[in-house]
């Protein structure tokens, strides 16, 4: 659902930036947080593997799940 001209003008006058810029900001924030979460998961899995408490197959499974979650999130946010 798109905004009318009056709604767009009111939004821009009240906030100082366009709705498109706001959308880009929020999508970027979501993707940055998702990437940080993915890095944390992989770092934790690697530390477990290096310490010997996580098998290599579990490390690969974690990597596959993180990649799948990231791809699905990017598909829905960037399409």
PDB file of N, CA and C in Angstrom:
ATOM      1  N   UNK A   1       0.849  -1.163   0.000  1.00  0.00           N
ATOM      2  CA  UNK A   1       0.000   0.000   0.000  1.00  0.00           C
ATOM      3  C   UNK A   1       0.895   1.227   0.000  1.00  0.00           C
ATOM      4  N   UNK A   2       0.699   2.069  -0.973  1.00  0.00           N
ATOM      5  CA  UNK A   2       1.529   3.264  -1.069  1.00  0.00           C
ATOM      6  C   UNK A   2       0.839   4.455  -0.416  1.00  0.00           C
ATOM      7  N   UNK A   3       1.663   5.425  -0.103  1.00  0.00           N
ATOM      8  CA  UNK A   3       1.150   6.625   0.552  1.00  0.00           C
ATOM      9  C   UNK A   3       0.651   7.612  -0.500  1.00  0.00           C
ATOM     10  N   UNK A   4      -0.330   8.423  -0.123  1.00  0.00           N
ATOM     11  CA  UNK A   4      -0.819   9.465  -1.014  1.00  0.00           C
ATOM     12  C   UNK A   4       0.174  10.620  -1.011  1.00  0.00           C
ATOM     13  N   UNK A   5      -0.018  11.551  -1.924  1.00  0.00           N
ATOM     14  CA  UNK A   5       0.858  12.721  -1.990  1.00  0.00           C
ATOM     15  C   UNK A   5       0.824  13.516  -0.687  1.00  0.00           C
ATOM     16  N   UNK A   6      -0.375  13.670  -0.129  1.00  0.00           N
ATOM     17  CA  UNK A   6      -0.518  14.426   1.123  1.00  0.00           C
ATOM     18  C   UNK A   6       0.207  13.713   2.268  1.00  0.00           C
ATOM     19  N   UNK A   7       0.100  12.392   2.330  1.00  0.00           N
ATOM     20  CA  UNK A   7       0.773  11.639   3.382  1.00  0.00           C
ATOM     21  C   UNK A   7       2.288  11.714   3.232  1.00  0.00           C
ATOM     22  N   UNK A   8       2.763  11.610   1.996  1.00  0.00           N
ATOM     23  CA  UNK A   8       4.196  11.704   1.750  1.00  0.00           C
ATOM     24  C   UNK A   8       4.724  13.076   2.130  1.00  0.00           C
ATOM     25  N   UNK A   9       4.015  14.115   1.757  1.00  0.00           N
ATOM     26  CA  UNK A   9       4.442  15.476   2.101  1.00  0.00           C
ATOM     27  C   UNK A   9       4.421  15.683   3.609  1.00  0.00           C
ATOM     28  N   UNK A  10       3.404  15.192   4.281  1.00  0.00           N
ATOM     29  CA  UNK A  10       3.320  15.339   5.736  1.00  0.00           C
ATOM     30  C   UNK A  10       4.452  14.581   6.419  1.00  0.00           C
ATOM     31  N   UNK A  11       4.747  13.382   5.943  1.00  0.00           N
ATOM     32  CA  UNK A  11       5.833  12.597   6.521  1.00  0.00           C
ATOM     33  C   UNK A  11       7.163  13.323   6.343  1.00  0.00           C
ATOM     34  N   UNK A  12       7.395  13.829   5.140  1.00  0.00           N
ATOM     35  CA  UNK A  12       8.661  14.489   4.863  1.00  0.00           C
ATOM     36  C   UNK A  12       8.794  15.793   5.645  1.00  0.00           C
ATOM     37  N   UNK A  13       7.705  16.539   5.792  1.00  0.00           N
ATOM     38  CA  UNK A  13       7.760  17.779   6.562  1.00  0.00           C
ATOM     39  C   UNK A  13       7.984  17.517   8.043  1.00  0.00           C
ATOM     40  N   UNK A  14       7.391  16.467   8.563  1.00  0.00           N
ATOM     41  CA  UNK A  14       7.516  16.175   9.995  1.00  0.00           C
ATOM     42  C   UNK A  14       8.864  15.557  10.351  1.00  0.00           C
ATOM     43  N   UNK A  15       9.383  14.711   9.476  1.00  0.00           N
ATOM     44  CA  UNK A  15      10.605  13.997   9.829  1.00  0.00           C
ATOM     45  C   UNK A  15      11.873  14.606   9.244  1.00  0.00           C
ATOM     46  N   UNK A  16      11.761  15.261   8.116  1.00  0.00           N
ATOM     47  CA  UNK A  16      12.938  15.843   7.486  1.00  0.00           C
ATOM     48  C   UNK A  16      13.589  14.947   6.448  1.00  0.00           C
ATOM     49  N   UNK A  17      13.044  13.751   6.240  1.00  0.00           N
ATOM     50  CA  UNK A  17      13.568  12.855   5.204  1.00  0.00           C
ATOM     51  C   UNK A  17      12.413  12.099   4.577  1.00  0.00           C
ATOM     52  N   UNK A  18      12.684  11.458   3.466  1.00  0.00           N
ATOM     53  CA  UNK A  18      11.621  10.805   2.708  1.00  0.00           C
ATOM     54  C   UNK A  18      11.265   9.439   3.305  1.00  0.00           C
ATOM     55  N   UNK A  19      10.077   8.933   3.008  1.00  0.00           N
ATOM     56  CA  UNK A  19       9.705   7.583   3.465  1.00  0.00           C
ATOM     57  C   UNK A  19      10.645   6.506   2.919  1.00  0.00           C
ATOM     58  N   UNK A  20      11.147   6.705   1.712  1.00  0.00           N
ATOM     59  CA  UNK A  20      12.083   5.742   1.128  1.00  0.00           C
ATOM     60  C   UNK A  20      13.374   5.679   1.936  1.00  0.00           C
ATOM     61  N   UNK A  21      13.852   6.831   2.394  1.00  0.00           N
ATOM     62  CA  UNK A  21      15.055   6.844   3.234  1.00  0.00           C
ATOM     63  C   UNK A  21      14.809   6.143   4.559  1.00  0.00           C
ATOM     64  N   UNK A  22      13.637   6.337   5.117  1.00  0.00           N
ATOM     65  CA  UNK A  22      13.284   5.661   6.369  1.00  0.00           C
ATOM     66  C   UNK A  22      13.238   4.158   6.163  1.00  0.00           C
ATOM     67  N   UNK A  23      12.645   3.716   5.085  1.00  0.00           N
ATOM     68  CA  UNK A  23      12.569   2.294   4.783  1.00  0.00           C
ATOM     69  C   UNK A  23      13.967   1.699   4.611  1.00  0.00           C
ATOM     70  N   UNK A  24      14.822   2.402   3.902  1.00  0.00           N
ATOM     71  CA  UNK A  24      16.196   1.941   3.698  1.00  0.00           C
ATOM     72  C   UNK A  24      16.940   1.844   5.023  1.00  0.00           C
ATOM     73  N   UNK A  25      16.737   2.804   5.891  1.00  0.00           N
ATOM     74  CA  UNK A  25      17.381   2.787   7.199  1.00  0.00           C
ATOM     75  C   UNK A  25      16.963   1.569   8.013  1.00  0.00           C
ATOM     76  N   UNK A  26      15.665   1.293   8.084  1.00  0.00           N
ATOM     77  CA  UNK A  26      15.180   0.168   8.882  1.00  0.00           C
ATOM     78  C   UNK A  26      15.589  -1.170   8.298  1.00  0.00           C
ATOM     79  N   UNK A  27      15.534  -1.297   6.971  1.00  0.00           N
ATOM     80  CA  UNK A  27      15.968  -2.550   6.348  1.00  0.00           C
ATOM     81  C   UNK A  27      17.459  -2.785   6.566  1.00  0.00           C
ATOM     82  N   UNK A  28      18.239  -1.729   6.463  1.00  0.00           N
ATOM     83  CA  UNK A  28      19.678  -1.842   6.695  1.00  0.00           C
ATOM     84  C   UNK A  28      19.966  -2.242   8.128  1.00  0.00           C
ATOM     85  N   UNK A  29      19.237  -1.668   9.068  1.00  0.00           N
ATOM     86  CA  UNK A  29      19.422  -2.005  10.474  1.00  0.00           C
ATOM     87  C   UNK A  29      19.100  -3.478  10.732  1.00  0.00           C
ATOM     88  N   UNK A  30      18.017  -3.971  10.164  1.00  0.00           N
ATOM     89  CA  UNK A  30      17.645  -5.377  10.332  1.00  0.00           C
ATOM     90  C   UNK A  30      18.718  -6.295   9.754  1.00  0.00           C
ATOM     91  N   UNK A  31      19.213  -5.972   8.569  1.00  0.00           N
ATOM     92  CA  UNK A  31      20.215  -6.825   7.937  1.00  0.00           C
ATOM     93  C   UNK A  31      21.554  -6.773   8.666  1.00  0.00           C
ATOM     94  N   UNK A  32      21.941  -5.618   9.181  1.00  0.00           N
ATOM     95  CA  UNK A  32      23.183  -5.516   9.950  1.00  0.00           C
ATOM     96  C   UNK A  32      23.077  -6.346  11.228  1.00  0.00           C
ATOM     97  N   UNK A  33      21.956  -6.252  11.922  1.00  0.00           N
ATOM     98  CA  UNK A  33      21.771  -7.063  13.127  1.00  0.00           C
ATOM     99  C   UNK A  33      21.777  -8.554  12.804  1.00  0.00           C
ATOM    100  N   UNK A  34      21.180  -8.933  11.679  1.00  0.00           N
ATOM    101  CA  UNK A  34      21.184 -10.341  11.273  1.00  0.00           C
ATOM    102  C   UNK A  34      22.606 -10.812  10.953  1.00  0.00           C
ATOM    103  N   UNK A  35      23.380  -9.979  10.296  1.00  0.00           N
ATOM    104  CA  UNK A  35      24.767 -10.351   9.992  1.00  0.00           C
ATOM    105  C   UNK A  35      25.600 -10.465  11.259  1.00  0.00           C
ATOM    106  N   UNK A  36      25.385  -9.575  12.207  1.00  0.00           N
ATOM    107  CA  UNK A  36      26.098  -9.664  13.484  1.00  0.00           C
ATOM    108  C   UNK A  36      25.708 -10.936  14.235  1.00  0.00           C
ATOM    109  N   UNK A  37      24.419 -11.286  14.201  1.00  0.00           N
ATOM    110  CA  UNK A  37      23.979 -12.514  14.838  1.00  0.00           C
ATOM    111  C   UNK A  37      24.626 -13.728  14.176  1.00  0.00           C
ATOM    112  N   UNK A  38      24.687 -13.727  12.851  1.00  0.00           N
ATOM    113  CA  UNK A  38      25.312 -14.834  12.118  1.00  0.00           C
ATOM    114  C   UNK A  38      26.795 -14.959  12.465  1.00  0.00           C
ATOM    115  N   UNK A  39      27.469 -13.823  12.554  1.00  0.00           N
ATOM    116  CA  UNK A  39      28.887 -13.858  12.925  1.00  0.00           C
ATOM    117  C   UNK A  39      29.060 -14.399  14.339  1.00  0.00           C
ATOM    118  N   UNK A  40      28.173 -14.025  15.253  1.00  0.00           N
ATOM    119  CA  UNK A  40      28.257 -14.514  16.630  1.00  0.00           C
ATOM    120  C   UNK A  40      28.020 -16.027  16.683  1.00  0.00           C
ATOM    121  N   UNK A  41      27.029 -16.505  15.949  1.00  0.00           N
ATOM    122  CA  UNK A  41      26.741 -17.946  15.927  1.00  0.00           C
ATOM    123  C   UNK A  41      27.929 -18.711  15.372  1.00  0.00           C
ATOM    124  N   UNK A  42      28.496 -18.240  14.275  1.00  0.00           N
ATOM    125  CA  UNK A  42      29.619 -18.950  13.672  1.00  0.00           C
ATOM    126  C   UNK A  42      30.864 -18.892  14.560  1.00  0.00           C
ATOM    127  N   UNK A  43      31.098 -17.767  15.208  1.00  0.00           N
ATOM    128  CA  UNK A  43      32.247 -17.642  16.107  1.00  0.00           C
ATOM    129  C   UNK A  43      32.094 -18.585  17.296  1.00  0.00           C
ATOM    130  N   UNK A  44      30.901 -18.658  17.852  1.00  0.00           N
ATOM    131  CA  UNK A  44      30.648 -19.552  18.976  1.00  0.00           C
ATOM    132  C   UNK A  44      30.798 -21.014  18.550  1.00  0.00           C
ATOM    133  N   UNK A  45      30.287 -21.364  17.394  1.00  0.00           N
ATOM    134  CA  UNK A  45      30.420 -22.735  16.892  1.00  0.00           C
ATOM    135  C   UNK A  45      31.885 -23.072  16.620  1.00  0.00           C
ATOM    136  N   UNK A  46      32.629 -22.131  16.078  1.00  0.00           N
ATOM    137  CA  UNK A  46      34.053 -22.373  15.821  1.00  0.00           C
ATOM    138  C   UNK A  46      34.820 -22.561  17.127  1.00  0.00           C
ATOM    139  N   UNK A  47      34.512 -21.737  18.119  1.00  0.00           N
ATOM    140  CA  UNK A  47      35.202 -21.886  19.407  1.00  0.00           C
ATOM    141  C   UNK A  47      34.888 -23.241  20.027  1.00  0.00           C
ATOM    142  N   UNK A  48      33.649 -23.690  19.900  1.00  0.00           N
ATOM    143  CA  UNK A  48      33.295 -25.021  20.402  1.00  0.00           C
ATOM    144  C   UNK A  48      34.018 -26.119  19.653  1.00  0.00           C
ATOM    145  N   UNK A  49      34.151 -25.963  18.338  1.00  0.00           N
ATOM    146  CA  UNK A  49      34.863 -26.956  17.533  1.00  0.00           C
ATOM    147  C   UNK A  49      36.349 -26.960  17.882  1.00  0.00           C
ATOM    148  N   UNK A  50      36.930 -25.770  18.055  1.00  0.00           N
ATOM    149  CA  UNK A  50      38.351 -25.674  18.385  1.00  0.00           C
ATOM    150  C   UNK A  50      38.638 -26.252  19.770  1.00  0.00           C
ATOM    151  N   UNK A  51      37.691 -26.122  20.691  1.00  0.00           N
ATOM    152  CA  UNK A  51      37.873 -26.661  22.037  1.00  0.00           C
ATOM    153  C   UNK A  51      37.580 -28.158  22.091  1.00  0.00           C
ATOM    154  N   UNK A  52      36.975 -28.690  21.042  1.00  0.00           N
ATOM    155  CA  UNK A  52      36.692 -30.119  20.986  1.00  0.00           C
ATOM    156  C   UNK A  52      35.333 -30.510  21.527  1.00  0.00           C
ATOM    157  N   UNK A  53      34.510 -29.550  21.874  1.00  0.00           N
ATOM    158  CA  UNK A  53      33.190 -29.884  22.420  1.00  0.00           C
ATOM    159  C   UNK A  53      32.102 -29.940  21.348  1.00  0.00           C
ATOM    160  N   UNK A  54      32.431 -29.534  20.125  1.00  0.00           N
ATOM    161  CA  UNK A  54      31.484 -29.567  19.011  1.00  0.00           C
ATOM    162  C   UNK A  54      32.142 -30.333  17.866  1.00  0.00           C
ATOM    163  N   UNK A  55      31.391 -31.293  17.306  1.00  0.00           N
ATOM    164  CA  UNK A  55      31.926 -32.058  16.182  1.00  0.00           C
ATOM    165  C   UNK A  55      31.929 -31.197  14.915  1.00  0.00           C
ATOM    166  N   UNK A  56      32.743 -31.611  13.946  1.00  0.00           N
ATOM    167  CA  UNK A  56      32.837 -30.866  12.697  1.00  0.00           C
ATOM    168  C   UNK A  56      31.507 -30.873  11.949  1.00  0.00           C
ATOM    169  N   UNK A  57      30.769 -31.967  12.017  1.00  0.00           N
ATOM    170  CA  UNK A  57      29.456 -32.044  11.369  1.00  0.00           C
ATOM    171  C   UNK A  57      28.473 -31.057  11.964  1.00  0.00           C
ATOM    172  N   UNK A  58      28.531 -30.871  13.274  1.00  0.00           N
ATOM    173  CA  UNK A  58      27.656 -29.894  13.925  1.00  0.00           C
ATOM    174  C   UNK A  58      28.045 -28.478  13.521  1.00  0.00           C
ATOM    175  N   UNK A  59      29.335 -28.243  13.349  1.00  0.00           N
ATOM    176  CA  UNK A  59      29.798 -26.932  12.877  1.00  0.00           C
ATOM    177  C   UNK A  59      29.271 -26.671  11.471  1.00  0.00           C
ATOM    178  N   UNK A  60      29.333 -27.679  10.609  1.00  0.00           N
ATOM    179  CA  UNK A  60      28.792 -27.535   9.255  1.00  0.00           C
ATOM    180  C   UNK A  60      27.288 -27.344   9.257  1.00  0.00           C
ATOM    181  N   UNK A  61      26.596 -28.050  10.143  1.00  0.00           N
ATOM    182  CA  UNK A  61      25.155 -27.882  10.264  1.00  0.00           C
ATOM    183  C   UNK A  61      24.783 -26.486  10.718  1.00  0.00           C
ATOM    184  N   UNK A  62      25.551 -25.946  11.664  1.00  0.00           N
ATOM    185  CA  UNK A  62      25.308 -24.570  12.117  1.00  0.00           C
ATOM    186  C   UNK A  62      25.531 -23.587  10.978  1.00  0.00           C
ATOM    187  N   UNK A  63      26.575 -23.797  10.217  1.00  0.00           N
ATOM    188  CA  UNK A  63      26.866 -22.906   9.095  1.00  0.00           C
ATOM    189  C   UNK A  63      25.742 -22.966   8.059  1.00  0.00           C
ATOM    190  N   UNK A  64      25.238 -24.159   7.790  1.00  0.00           N
ATOM    191  CA  UNK A  64      24.156 -24.305   6.809  1.00  0.00           C
ATOM    192  C   UNK A  64      22.885 -23.619   7.295  1.00  0.00           C
ATOM    193  N   UNK A  65      22.538 -23.801   8.571  1.00  0.00           N
ATOM    194  CA  UNK A  65      21.331 -23.163   9.110  1.00  0.00           C
ATOM    195  C   UNK A  65      21.449 -21.649   9.113  1.00  0.00           C
ATOM    196  N   UNK A  66      22.616 -21.129   9.486  1.00  0.00           N
ATOM    197  CA  UNK A  66      22.830 -19.682   9.501  1.00  0.00           C
ATOM    198  C   UNK A  66      22.720 -19.133   8.081  1.00  0.00           C
ATOM    199  N   UNK A  67      23.314 -19.816   7.123  1.00  0.00           N
ATOM    200  CA  UNK A  67      23.233 -19.375   5.736  1.00  0.00           C
ATOM    201  C   UNK A  67      21.797 -19.395   5.233  1.00  0.00           C
ATOM    202  N   UNK A  68      21.051 -20.429   5.572  1.00  0.00           N
ATOM    203  CA  UNK A  68      19.655 -20.521   5.152  1.00  0.00           C
ATOM    204  C   UNK A  68      18.821 -19.393   5.761  1.00  0.00           C
ATOM    205  N   UNK A  69      18.990 -19.136   7.043  1.00  0.00           N
ATOM    206  CA  UNK A  69      18.248 -18.056   7.703  1.00  0.00           C
ATOM    207  C   UNK A  69      18.586 -16.714   7.070  1.00  0.00           C
ATOM    208  N   UNK A  70      19.864 -16.490   6.804  1.00  0.00           N
ATOM    209  CA  UNK A  70      20.287 -15.228   6.203  1.00  0.00           C
ATOM    210  C   UNK A  70      19.724 -15.071   4.786  1.00  0.00           C
ATOM    211  N   UNK A  71      19.731 -16.120   4.007  1.00  0.00           N
ATOM    212  CA  UNK A  71      19.190 -16.049   2.651  1.00  0.00           C
ATOM    213  C   UNK A  71      17.690 -15.791   2.657  1.00  0.00           C
ATOM    214  N   UNK A  72      16.957 -16.457   3.539  1.00  0.00           N
ATOM    215  CA  UNK A  72      15.514 -16.249   3.615  1.00  0.00           C
ATOM    216  C   UNK A  72      15.208 -14.819   4.062  1.00  0.00           C
ATOM    217  N   UNK A  73      15.925 -14.351   5.081  1.00  0.00           N
ATOM    218  CA  UNK A  73      15.712 -12.985   5.553  1.00  0.00           C
ATOM    219  C   UNK A  73      16.007 -11.967   4.454  1.00  0.00           C
ATOM    220  N   UNK A  74      17.095 -12.142   3.734  1.00  0.00           N
ATOM    221  CA  UNK A  74      17.436 -11.227   2.646  1.00  0.00           C
ATOM    222  C   UNK A  74      16.402 -11.296   1.523  1.00  0.00           C
ATOM    223  N   UNK A  75      15.898 -12.489   1.230  1.00  0.00           N
ATOM    224  CA  UNK A  75      14.886 -12.604   0.185  1.00  0.00           C
ATOM    225  C   UNK A  75      13.653 -11.797   0.534  1.00  0.00           C
ATOM    226  N   UNK A  76      13.198 -11.916   1.778  1.00  0.00           N
ATOM    227  CA  UNK A  76      11.973 -11.223   2.173  1.00  0.00           C
ATOM    228  C   UNK A  76      12.178  -9.726   2.381  1.00  0.00           C
ATOM    229  N   UNK A  77      13.341  -9.302   2.836  1.00  0.00           N
ATOM    230  CA  UNK A  77      13.541  -7.868   3.076  1.00  0.00           C
ATOM    231  C   UNK A  77      13.957  -7.122   1.823  1.00  0.00           C
ATOM    232  N   UNK A  78      14.645  -7.773   0.908  1.00  0.00           N
ATOM    233  CA  UNK A  78      15.141  -7.049  -0.270  1.00  0.00           C
ATOM    234  C   UNK A  78      14.267  -7.214  -1.501  1.00  0.00           C
ATOM    235  N   UNK A  79      13.210  -8.009  -1.411  1.00  0.00           N
ATOM    236  CA  UNK A  79      12.346  -8.168  -2.581  1.00  0.00           C
ATOM    237  C   UNK A  79      11.167  -7.220  -2.533  1.00  0.00           C
TER     238      UNK A  79
END
